[in-house]
Protein backbone atom coordinates (compact mmCIF):
# COMPACT_ATOMS: atom_id res chain seq x y z
CA MET A 1 150.61 107.40 117.64
CA LYS A 2 150.86 110.75 117.12
CA GLU A 3 147.80 111.03 114.70
CA THR A 4 145.75 108.76 117.17
CA ILE A 5 145.91 111.53 119.80
CA ASP A 6 145.49 114.32 117.35
CA GLN A 7 142.15 112.53 116.01
CA GLY A 8 141.52 112.21 119.82
CA LEU A 9 141.74 115.96 120.36
CA LYS A 10 139.93 116.86 117.89
CA SER A 11 137.06 114.47 118.37
CA THR A 12 136.83 115.67 121.75
CA ALA A 13 137.22 119.45 121.56
CA HIS A 14 133.55 120.34 121.76
CA LEU A 15 134.22 118.37 125.53
CA TRP A 16 136.96 120.92 126.70
CA PRO A 17 135.34 124.50 127.32
CA PRO A 18 133.15 123.08 129.90
CA ILE A 19 135.79 121.44 131.63
CA TYR A 20 138.31 124.16 131.79
CA LEU A 21 135.56 126.42 132.82
CA VAL A 22 133.90 124.08 135.80
CA PHE A 23 137.49 123.27 136.62
CA GLY A 24 138.51 126.70 136.93
CA TRP A 25 135.32 127.61 139.39
CA VAL A 26 136.44 124.59 141.54
CA HIS A 27 140.22 125.47 141.45
CA GLN A 28 139.00 129.41 142.50
CA ALA A 29 136.44 127.89 145.30
CA ALA A 30 139.93 125.84 146.52
CA HIS A 31 141.96 128.89 146.51
CA TYR A 32 139.61 130.68 148.41
CA LEU A 33 138.99 128.13 151.06
CA GLY A 34 142.83 127.96 151.24
CA LEU A 35 143.73 131.79 152.09
CA ALA A 36 144.97 131.79 155.59
CA ASP A 37 145.42 135.76 156.27
CA THR A 38 141.92 136.59 156.13
CA SER A 39 138.65 136.67 157.93
CA GLY A 40 135.90 134.04 157.93
CA SER A 41 133.73 136.66 156.80
CA ASN A 42 135.42 137.85 153.59
CA ILE A 43 135.70 133.85 152.74
CA ARG A 44 131.96 133.43 153.17
CA ARG A 45 131.60 136.44 150.82
CA LYS A 46 134.14 135.36 148.14
CA LEU A 47 133.05 131.76 147.90
CA GLY A 48 129.00 133.19 148.15
CA GLY A 49 129.71 135.25 145.18
CA LEU A 50 131.49 132.50 143.26
CA LEU A 51 128.72 129.89 143.84
CA GLY A 52 126.23 132.85 142.95
CA ALA A 53 128.00 132.94 139.81
CA MET A 54 128.63 129.11 139.08
CA GLN A 55 124.73 128.59 139.50
CA GLN A 56 123.78 131.77 136.93
CA HIS A 57 126.34 130.54 134.67
CA ARG A 58 125.34 127.18 134.91
CA ALA A 59 124.38 126.73 131.23
CA THR A 60 128.05 127.26 129.86
CA ALA A 61 128.78 124.09 131.59
CA GLY A 62 126.92 122.29 128.66
CA ASP A 63 126.49 118.70 129.68
CA LEU A 64 128.04 119.30 133.02
CA ARG A 65 125.31 121.35 134.59
CA TRP A 66 124.68 118.45 136.97
CA ALA A 67 127.84 118.43 138.80
CA VAL A 68 128.04 122.43 138.83
CA ASP A 69 124.45 122.00 140.58
CA HIS A 70 125.80 119.27 143.07
CA PHE A 71 128.94 121.39 143.60
CA VAL A 72 126.50 124.58 144.62
CA LYS A 73 124.36 122.12 146.84
CA VAL A 74 127.20 120.47 148.24
CA SER A 75 128.82 123.31 149.37
CA ARG A 76 125.67 125.15 150.80
CA SER A 77 124.51 122.15 152.86
CA TYR A 78 127.62 122.90 154.49
CA TRP A 79 127.45 126.69 154.56
CA PRO A 80 126.91 126.55 157.96
CA GLY A 81 129.53 125.39 159.83
CA LEU A 82 131.95 125.80 157.18
CA PHE A 83 133.69 129.12 157.83
CA ALA A 84 133.99 128.26 162.08
CA CYS A 85 137.83 127.57 161.32
CA TYR A 86 139.00 130.88 159.74
CA ASP A 87 137.51 132.98 162.99
CA THR A 88 138.39 130.75 165.96
CA PRO A 89 142.07 129.63 166.46
CA ASP A 90 142.90 126.33 167.01
CA VAL A 91 140.39 124.58 164.98
CA PRO A 92 141.69 122.86 162.00
CA ARG A 93 140.46 123.18 158.34
CA THR A 94 140.18 119.48 157.96
CA ASN A 95 139.32 116.69 159.69
CA ASN A 96 142.65 114.73 157.88
CA ASP A 97 143.80 114.65 161.51
CA LEU A 98 141.30 112.79 162.96
CA GLU A 99 140.45 110.37 160.21
CA GLN A 100 144.53 109.29 160.49
CA LEU A 101 143.65 108.85 164.22
CA PHE A 102 140.88 106.64 163.26
CA GLY A 103 142.40 104.62 161.22
CA SER A 104 145.38 104.11 163.13
CA HIS A 105 143.57 102.81 166.06
CA ARG A 106 141.63 100.43 163.32
CA TYR A 107 144.75 99.41 161.64
CA HIS A 108 146.06 98.64 165.39
CA GLU A 109 143.31 96.60 166.53
CA ARG A 110 143.13 94.67 163.34
CA ARG A 111 146.46 93.71 164.17
CA ALA A 112 145.62 92.51 167.47
CA SER A 113 142.79 90.66 166.68
CA GLY A 114 143.10 89.54 163.39
CA ARG A 115 139.82 90.46 162.13
CA LYS A 116 139.00 92.31 158.97
CA GLY A 117 135.89 94.53 160.20
CA ALA A 118 135.70 96.44 163.61
CA SER A 119 135.28 94.76 166.51
CA PRO A 120 131.86 94.51 167.97
CA ALA A 121 133.48 96.19 171.27
CA LEU A 122 134.80 98.84 169.31
CA VAL A 123 130.91 99.67 168.70
CA LEU A 124 130.29 99.09 172.60
CA ARG A 125 132.66 100.52 174.29
CA GLY A 126 133.98 102.96 171.56
CA SER A 127 133.87 106.27 173.77
CA VAL A 128 136.39 104.40 176.29
CA ARG A 129 138.41 102.30 174.30
CA LEU A 130 139.28 104.95 171.55
CA VAL A 131 140.31 107.33 173.67
CA ALA A 132 142.60 104.98 176.07
CA GLY A 133 144.20 103.50 172.41
CA LEU A 134 144.86 107.49 171.57
CA ALA A 135 145.92 108.48 174.80
CA THR A 136 148.31 105.40 175.28
CA ARG A 137 149.83 105.99 171.81
CA SER A 138 150.46 109.64 172.31
CA ARG A 139 152.89 109.40 175.68
CA GLU A 140 153.28 106.69 178.56
CA VAL A 141 150.20 106.77 181.04
CA THR A 142 151.25 106.53 184.87
CA PRO A 143 149.78 104.37 187.38
CA ALA A 144 149.30 107.68 189.44
CA GLU A 145 147.54 109.37 186.43
CA LEU A 146 144.92 106.89 186.35
CA SER A 147 144.80 106.61 190.34
CA GLY A 148 143.58 109.73 189.90
CA ALA A 149 140.15 109.20 187.98
CA GLY A 150 137.18 110.68 189.87
CA ARG A 151 134.98 107.77 191.11
CA GLN A 152 131.96 109.44 190.38
CA GLU A 153 132.74 109.77 186.60
CA TRP A 154 134.12 106.26 186.49
CA GLU A 155 131.22 105.05 187.79
CA ARG A 156 128.42 107.49 185.40
CA VAL A 157 130.72 105.98 182.04
CA ARG A 158 130.34 102.14 183.28
CA ALA A 159 126.57 102.53 183.91
CA GLU A 160 126.30 103.96 180.35
CA LEU A 161 128.53 101.34 179.06
CA GLU A 162 126.28 98.78 180.68
CA VAL A 163 123.01 100.11 179.55
CA ARG A 164 124.68 99.67 175.83
CA ARG A 165 125.39 96.52 176.62
CA GLN A 166 122.04 95.56 178.19
CA ARG A 167 120.39 97.28 174.59
CA ARG A 168 122.92 95.41 172.25
CA VAL A 169 122.02 91.40 174.50
CA GLU A 170 118.03 92.58 174.22
CA ARG A 171 118.14 93.05 170.43
CA ARG A 172 120.63 89.69 169.71
CA ARG A 173 117.91 87.96 171.64
CA PHE A 174 115.13 89.38 170.05
CA ARG A 175 116.96 88.57 166.57
CA ARG A 176 117.23 85.01 167.66
CA ASN A 177 113.70 84.27 168.74
CA PRO A 178 111.99 87.24 168.37
CA GLU A 179 108.40 85.31 169.73
CA GLU A 180 110.12 84.30 172.84
CA TYR A 181 110.75 87.30 173.25
CA LEU A 182 107.95 88.93 173.18
CA LYS A 183 106.43 86.45 174.89
CA ALA A 184 108.83 86.92 178.00
CA LEU A 185 108.14 90.60 177.86
CA GLU A 186 104.72 90.18 177.67
CA ASN A 187 104.69 88.18 181.17
CA LYS A 188 106.76 90.65 182.55
CA LEU A 189 104.66 93.24 181.84
CA ASN A 190 101.47 91.35 182.71
CA GLN A 191 103.42 90.63 186.05
CA SER A 192 104.16 94.29 186.57
CA GLY A 193 100.53 94.99 186.65
CA LEU A 194 99.38 92.52 189.17
CA PRO A 195 98.61 93.99 193.05
CA THR A 196 101.41 93.21 195.54
């Protein structure tokens, strides 16, 4: 067994230096992003220097040049919003908590409905159902709080949800029978052009 491991290590020895190098770069980037007691501009400067060095010395990464290019490209694409959490208090560094909330909602909805996928109602009324579900999970909502909601805001949200529902109905009608749907649409257009 030991000879097999030694033989495997000898035959792959030329692959390890680039892996070690690239892992060191990624580890350094993670270290910079994990700094808590410094400003966003300081982290931006350090990470920018590291990405520049990675790009400049990418040839030393051997067959992992594509991974270095990808890492630099993705890091640069997130650059504009990457450092806001360091300069703004109460902005979390990751969206793990948010992901956990969405996952929890999905889990409870699946348990309640028996569906494997997301409910069509969640797509249609997600802005209301998700907020209501999360609020009731965090604490008990009293009838007095519900009665204090503004009627105008409630009507605006209901109208917005109705517009969304109507769009879904129209899409479903079109998918079921495109010719009939287009003919009815054409008739409506022709009638709107007639003088009254």
